[in-house]
Amino acid sequence: MILTVNCRRCAEKTPALETPPLGVANAQEIQEKVCAACWEEWRLMEVRVINELKLNFMDPESEKKLSEHMRDFLKLD
């Protein structure tokens, strides 16, 4: 059985992520509110954001910035 979710980003009822994404803050929230397709779009955008902002994950502020961009992109706020 494929689970569906009313996605916050695309506003469609589409297949959900099968499991919460690993290594992501609020992984359960993402699984419950974001469809698999939009999550994959974010994964591609994430690389662009990291490169564009030249994020350095030795700096704790970088993780915070990336999380803010993710929440904005996925319309979680």
N, C-alpha and C. Protein backbone atom coordinates (compact mmCIF):
# COMPACT_ATOMS: atom_id res chain seq x y z
N MET A 1 0.84 -1.18 0.00
CA MET A 1 0.00 0.00 0.00
C MET A 1 0.88 1.24 0.00
N ILE A 2 0.63 2.15 -0.91
CA ILE A 2 1.37 3.40 -1.00
C ILE A 2 0.64 4.45 -0.19
N LEU A 3 1.35 5.04 0.77
CA LEU A 3 0.77 6.10 1.58
C LEU A 3 0.83 7.41 0.82
N THR A 4 -0.17 8.24 1.04
CA THR A 4 -0.17 9.56 0.40
C THR A 4 -0.15 10.64 1.45
N VAL A 5 0.18 11.83 1.02
CA VAL A 5 0.26 12.98 1.91
C VAL A 5 -0.31 14.19 1.16
N ASN A 6 -0.96 15.07 1.90
CA ASN A 6 -1.37 16.35 1.33
C ASN A 6 -0.16 17.27 1.45
N CYS A 7 0.57 17.39 0.37
CA CYS A 7 1.86 18.07 0.38
C CYS A 7 1.71 19.58 0.56
N ARG A 8 2.50 20.12 1.47
CA ARG A 8 2.49 21.56 1.73
C ARG A 8 3.04 22.33 0.53
N ARG A 9 4.03 21.77 -0.15
CA ARG A 9 4.69 22.50 -1.23
C ARG A 9 3.86 22.51 -2.51
N CYS A 10 3.43 21.37 -2.97
CA CYS A 10 2.72 21.32 -4.26
C CYS A 10 1.20 21.33 -4.10
N ALA A 11 0.74 21.24 -2.85
CA ALA A 11 -0.69 21.28 -2.54
C ALA A 11 -1.48 20.17 -3.25
N GLU A 12 -0.86 19.02 -3.42
CA GLU A 12 -1.50 17.87 -4.05
C GLU A 12 -1.46 16.68 -3.09
N LYS A 13 -2.37 15.77 -3.28
CA LYS A 13 -2.34 14.52 -2.52
C LYS A 13 -1.55 13.52 -3.37
N THR A 14 -0.31 13.29 -2.97
CA THR A 14 0.60 12.46 -3.75
C THR A 14 1.34 11.49 -2.83
N PRO A 15 2.09 10.53 -3.41
CA PRO A 15 2.81 9.56 -2.58
C PRO A 15 3.76 10.22 -1.59
N ALA A 16 3.71 9.71 -0.37
CA ALA A 16 4.57 10.21 0.71
C ALA A 16 5.93 9.52 0.68
N LEU A 17 6.87 10.06 1.42
CA LEU A 17 8.15 9.39 1.61
C LEU A 17 7.89 8.08 2.36
N GLU A 18 8.55 7.02 1.97
CA GLU A 18 8.35 5.72 2.62
C GLU A 18 8.87 5.73 4.06
N THR A 19 9.95 6.43 4.29
CA THR A 19 10.54 6.55 5.63
C THR A 19 10.96 7.99 5.84
N PRO A 20 11.08 8.43 7.08
CA PRO A 20 11.58 9.79 7.32
C PRO A 20 13.00 9.93 6.77
N PRO A 21 13.32 11.08 6.21
CA PRO A 21 14.68 11.27 5.67
C PRO A 21 15.73 11.21 6.79
N LEU A 22 16.83 10.56 6.52
CA LEU A 22 17.89 10.40 7.51
C LEU A 22 18.71 11.68 7.64
N GLY A 23 19.15 11.97 8.85
CA GLY A 23 20.05 13.08 9.07
C GLY A 23 19.44 14.45 8.90
N VAL A 24 18.12 14.53 8.99
CA VAL A 24 17.44 15.80 8.79
C VAL A 24 16.65 16.14 10.05
N ALA A 25 16.82 17.37 10.51
CA ALA A 25 16.02 17.81 11.66
C ALA A 25 14.55 17.78 11.27
N ASN A 26 13.70 17.40 12.18
CA ASN A 26 12.24 17.33 11.94
C ASN A 26 11.88 16.36 10.83
N ALA A 27 12.58 15.24 10.76
CA ALA A 27 12.36 14.25 9.71
C ALA A 27 10.92 13.73 9.70
N GLN A 28 10.35 13.53 10.88
CA GLN A 28 8.98 13.03 10.97
C GLN A 28 8.00 14.04 10.37
N GLU A 29 8.21 15.32 10.66
CA GLU A 29 7.35 16.38 10.11
C GLU A 29 7.43 16.38 8.58
N ILE A 30 8.63 16.23 8.05
CA ILE A 30 8.80 16.21 6.60
C ILE A 30 8.06 15.02 6.00
N GLN A 31 8.17 13.86 6.60
CA GLN A 31 7.47 12.68 6.09
C GLN A 31 5.96 12.89 6.09
N GLU A 32 5.45 13.58 7.09
CA GLU A 32 4.01 13.79 7.23
C GLU A 32 3.46 14.92 6.36
N LYS A 33 4.31 15.85 5.93
CA LYS A 33 3.81 17.05 5.26
C LYS A 33 4.35 17.30 3.86
N VAL A 34 5.32 16.49 3.42
CA VAL A 34 5.96 16.72 2.11
C VAL A 34 5.92 15.44 1.29
N CYS A 35 5.54 15.56 0.02
CA CYS A 35 5.49 14.37 -0.84
C CYS A 35 6.89 13.98 -1.29
N ALA A 36 7.01 12.76 -1.77
CA ALA A 36 8.30 12.22 -2.19
C ALA A 36 8.88 13.04 -3.35
N ALA A 37 8.05 13.47 -4.28
CA ALA A 37 8.54 14.23 -5.43
C ALA A 37 9.12 15.58 -5.00
N CYS A 38 8.43 16.28 -4.11
CA CYS A 38 8.94 17.57 -3.64
C CYS A 38 10.20 17.40 -2.81
N TRP A 39 10.28 16.31 -2.06
CA TRP A 39 11.50 16.05 -1.30
C TRP A 39 12.68 15.85 -2.24
N GLU A 40 12.47 15.13 -3.33
CA GLU A 40 13.54 14.93 -4.31
C GLU A 40 13.95 16.26 -4.95
N GLU A 41 12.97 17.13 -5.21
CA GLU A 41 13.31 18.46 -5.74
C GLU A 41 14.19 19.21 -4.75
N TRP A 42 13.86 19.11 -3.46
CA TRP A 42 14.68 19.77 -2.45
C TRP A 42 16.09 19.19 -2.45
N ARG A 43 16.23 17.88 -2.55
CA ARG A 43 17.56 17.27 -2.51
C ARG A 43 18.45 17.83 -3.62
N LEU A 44 17.87 18.11 -4.78
CA LEU A 44 18.63 18.73 -5.87
C LEU A 44 18.94 20.19 -5.55
N MET A 45 17.94 20.89 -5.01
CA MET A 45 18.12 22.30 -4.67
C MET A 45 19.11 22.47 -3.53
N GLU A 46 19.14 21.51 -2.62
CA GLU A 46 20.03 21.58 -1.47
C GLU A 46 21.49 21.75 -1.89
N VAL A 47 21.89 21.03 -2.91
CA VAL A 47 23.26 21.13 -3.42
C VAL A 47 23.52 22.54 -3.93
N ARG A 48 22.56 23.09 -4.64
CA ARG A 48 22.71 24.45 -5.15
C ARG A 48 22.83 25.46 -4.01
N VAL A 49 22.00 25.31 -2.99
CA VAL A 49 22.03 26.23 -1.85
C VAL A 49 23.38 26.14 -1.15
N ILE A 50 23.86 24.94 -0.92
CA ILE A 50 25.15 24.76 -0.26
C ILE A 50 26.26 25.44 -1.06
N ASN A 51 26.26 25.22 -2.36
CA ASN A 51 27.30 25.80 -3.21
C ASN A 51 27.15 27.32 -3.34
N GLU A 52 25.95 27.77 -3.55
CA GLU A 52 25.70 29.20 -3.75
C GLU A 52 26.08 30.01 -2.51
N LEU A 53 25.71 29.50 -1.34
CA LEU A 53 25.99 30.22 -0.10
C LEU A 53 27.37 29.87 0.49
N LYS A 54 28.05 28.93 -0.18
CA LYS A 54 29.37 28.47 0.28
C LYS A 54 29.32 28.06 1.76
N LEU A 55 28.34 27.22 2.06
CA LEU A 55 28.15 26.79 3.45
C LEU A 55 29.28 25.87 3.89
N ASN A 56 29.75 26.10 5.08
CA ASN A 56 30.81 25.32 5.69
C ASN A 56 30.21 24.66 6.94
N PHE A 57 30.07 23.36 6.93
CA PHE A 57 29.38 22.69 8.02
C PHE A 57 30.24 22.49 9.26
N MET A 58 31.45 23.04 9.25
CA MET A 58 32.23 23.14 10.48
C MET A 58 31.69 24.30 11.32
N ASP A 59 30.95 25.18 10.68
CA ASP A 59 30.31 26.32 11.35
C ASP A 59 28.85 25.96 11.62
N PRO A 60 28.42 25.92 12.89
CA PRO A 60 27.03 25.55 13.22
C PRO A 60 25.98 26.46 12.55
N GLU A 61 26.36 27.67 12.23
CA GLU A 61 25.43 28.60 11.59
C GLU A 61 25.04 28.11 10.19
N SER A 62 25.92 27.39 9.53
CA SER A 62 25.62 26.88 8.18
C SER A 62 24.46 25.90 8.19
N GLU A 63 24.44 25.01 9.19
CA GLU A 63 23.34 24.05 9.31
C GLU A 63 22.01 24.79 9.51
N LYS A 64 22.04 25.82 10.30
CA LYS A 64 20.85 26.63 10.56
C LYS A 64 20.36 27.29 9.27
N LYS A 65 21.27 27.86 8.50
CA LYS A 65 20.91 28.52 7.24
C LYS A 65 20.31 27.51 6.26
N LEU A 66 20.92 26.34 6.16
CA LEU A 66 20.41 25.32 5.25
C LEU A 66 19.01 24.87 5.67
N SER A 67 18.81 24.70 6.97
CA SER A 67 17.50 24.31 7.48
C SER A 67 16.44 25.36 7.17
N GLU A 68 16.79 26.63 7.30
CA GLU A 68 15.86 27.71 6.98
C GLU A 68 15.47 27.69 5.50
N HIS A 69 16.45 27.47 4.64
CA HIS A 69 16.17 27.39 3.19
C HIS A 69 15.29 26.18 2.89
N MET A 70 15.54 25.06 3.55
CA MET A 70 14.74 23.86 3.34
C MET A 70 13.29 24.10 3.75
N ARG A 71 13.09 24.67 4.93
CA ARG A 71 11.73 24.92 5.42
C ARG A 71 11.00 25.89 4.51
N ASP A 72 11.71 26.89 4.01
CA ASP A 72 11.09 27.85 3.10
C ASP A 72 10.73 27.17 1.77
N PHE A 73 11.66 26.42 1.21
CA PHE A 73 11.43 25.72 -0.05
C PHE A 73 10.24 24.75 0.04
N LEU A 74 10.14 24.04 1.17
CA LEU A 74 9.09 23.03 1.33
C LEU A 74 7.81 23.61 1.93
N LYS A 75 7.82 24.91 2.19
CA LYS A 75 6.65 25.63 2.74
C LYS A 75 6.18 25.02 4.05
N LEU A 76 7.13 24.82 4.96
CA LEU A 76 6.81 24.22 6.25
C LEU A 76 6.54 25.25 7.33
N ASP A 77 6.74 26.52 7.05
CA ASP A 77 6.48 27.56 8.05
C ASP A 77 5.21 28.32 7.75
